[in-house]
Protein backbone atom coordinates (compact mmCIF):
# COMPACT_ATOMS: atom_id res chain seq x y z
CA UNK A 1 67.48 -51.30 -40.33
CA UNK A 2 68.61 -52.04 -43.86
CA UNK A 3 68.07 -54.82 -46.39
CA UNK A 4 70.21 -57.77 -45.93
CA UNK A 5 73.23 -58.01 -48.49
CA UNK A 6 73.96 -60.81 -51.09
CA UNK A 7 75.92 -62.61 -48.71
CA UNK A 8 73.73 -62.29 -45.78
CA UNK A 9 70.89 -63.86 -48.07
CA UNK A 10 73.06 -66.56 -49.25
CA UNK A 11 73.99 -67.13 -45.64
CA UNK A 12 70.35 -67.13 -44.72
CA UNK A 13 69.52 -69.75 -47.53
CA UNK A 14 72.05 -72.02 -46.73
CA UNK A 15 70.99 -72.25 -43.00
CA UNK A 16 67.38 -72.83 -44.35
CA UNK A 17 68.75 -75.71 -46.48
CA UNK A 18 70.39 -77.37 -43.59
CA UNK A 19 67.54 -76.96 -41.30
CA UNK A 20 64.80 -78.07 -43.74
CA UNK A 21 66.53 -80.09 -46.40
CA UNK A 22 66.34 -79.45 -50.27
CA UNK A 23 63.15 -81.56 -50.70
CA UNK A 24 60.86 -79.85 -48.03
CA UNK A 25 61.74 -76.31 -49.28
CA UNK A 26 59.30 -76.45 -52.57
CA UNK A 27 56.59 -78.05 -50.19
CA UNK A 28 57.22 -75.13 -47.62
CA UNK A 29 56.94 -72.39 -50.49
CA UNK A 30 53.81 -74.09 -51.82
CA UNK A 31 52.06 -73.82 -48.65
CA UNK A 32 52.97 -70.00 -48.05
CA UNK A 33 51.63 -69.46 -51.33
CA UNK A 34 48.40 -71.11 -50.65
CA UNK A 35 47.70 -69.55 -47.55
CA UNK A 36 48.56 -66.04 -48.87
CA UNK A 37 46.11 -66.99 -51.98
CA UNK A 38 43.15 -68.09 -49.58
CA UNK A 39 43.80 -65.03 -47.21
CA UNK A 40 43.49 -62.61 -50.33
CA UNK A 41 40.53 -64.55 -51.49
CA UNK A 42 38.72 -64.35 -48.31
CA UNK A 43 39.42 -60.51 -47.85
CA UNK A 44 38.14 -59.88 -51.21
CA UNK A 45 34.95 -61.80 -50.40
CA UNK A 46 34.43 -59.62 -47.22
CA UNK A 47 34.65 -56.54 -49.08
CA UNK A 48 31.51 -56.34 -51.00
CA UNK A 49 29.64 -57.54 -47.83
CA UNK A 50 30.56 -54.86 -45.55
CA UNK A 51 29.60 -51.65 -47.44
CA UNK A 52 26.14 -52.96 -48.52
CA UNK A 53 25.36 -53.55 -44.84
CA UNK A 54 26.15 -50.05 -44.03
CA UNK A 55 24.60 -48.47 -47.29
CA UNK A 56 21.16 -50.01 -46.50
CA UNK A 57 20.02 -48.67 -42.99
CA UNK A 58 17.59 -50.40 -41.00
CA UNK A 59 14.00 -49.13 -40.98
CA UNK A 60 13.34 -47.87 -37.26
CA UNK A 61 11.35 -50.30 -35.26
CA UNK A 62 7.90 -49.21 -34.37
CA UNK A 63 7.03 -49.60 -30.69
CA UNK A 64 3.64 -50.82 -29.91
CA UNK A 65 1.53 -48.44 -27.98
CA UNK A 66 -0.32 -50.02 -25.20
CA UNK A 67 -2.61 -48.80 -22.60
CA UNK A 68 -1.27 -49.09 -18.92
CA UNK A 69 -3.45 -49.17 -15.87
CA UNK A 70 -2.88 -45.83 -14.01
CA UNK A 71 -2.01 -46.38 -10.42
CA UNK A 72 -3.77 -44.52 -8.09
CA UNK A 73 -2.70 -43.82 -4.54
CA UNK A 74 -4.95 -45.03 -1.83
CA UNK A 75 -7.38 -42.42 -0.88
CA UNK A 76 -6.78 -42.99 2.93
CA UNK A 77 -2.95 -41.63 2.74
CA UNK A 78 -2.45 -38.11 3.19
CA UNK A 79 -0.11 -36.47 0.78
CA UNK A 80 2.91 -34.65 2.56
CA UNK A 81 4.61 -31.75 1.13
């Protein structure tokens, strides 16, 4: 698949003008430009946050040692082997 030629681009541009009108095209272009700008800005804001989170590992959590009551089998039961 190759890039459209000059006549194909003019035909596409003409269809766009017929569909949206000449007054709406600058508004559409402005909206697309703002969307791209906001997307790039958000991507740049997320980049510094990701490496710092992985660069500083969390300290391992210490488990509290607790004494548990040992459960003894009743003496009247016999062990079966």
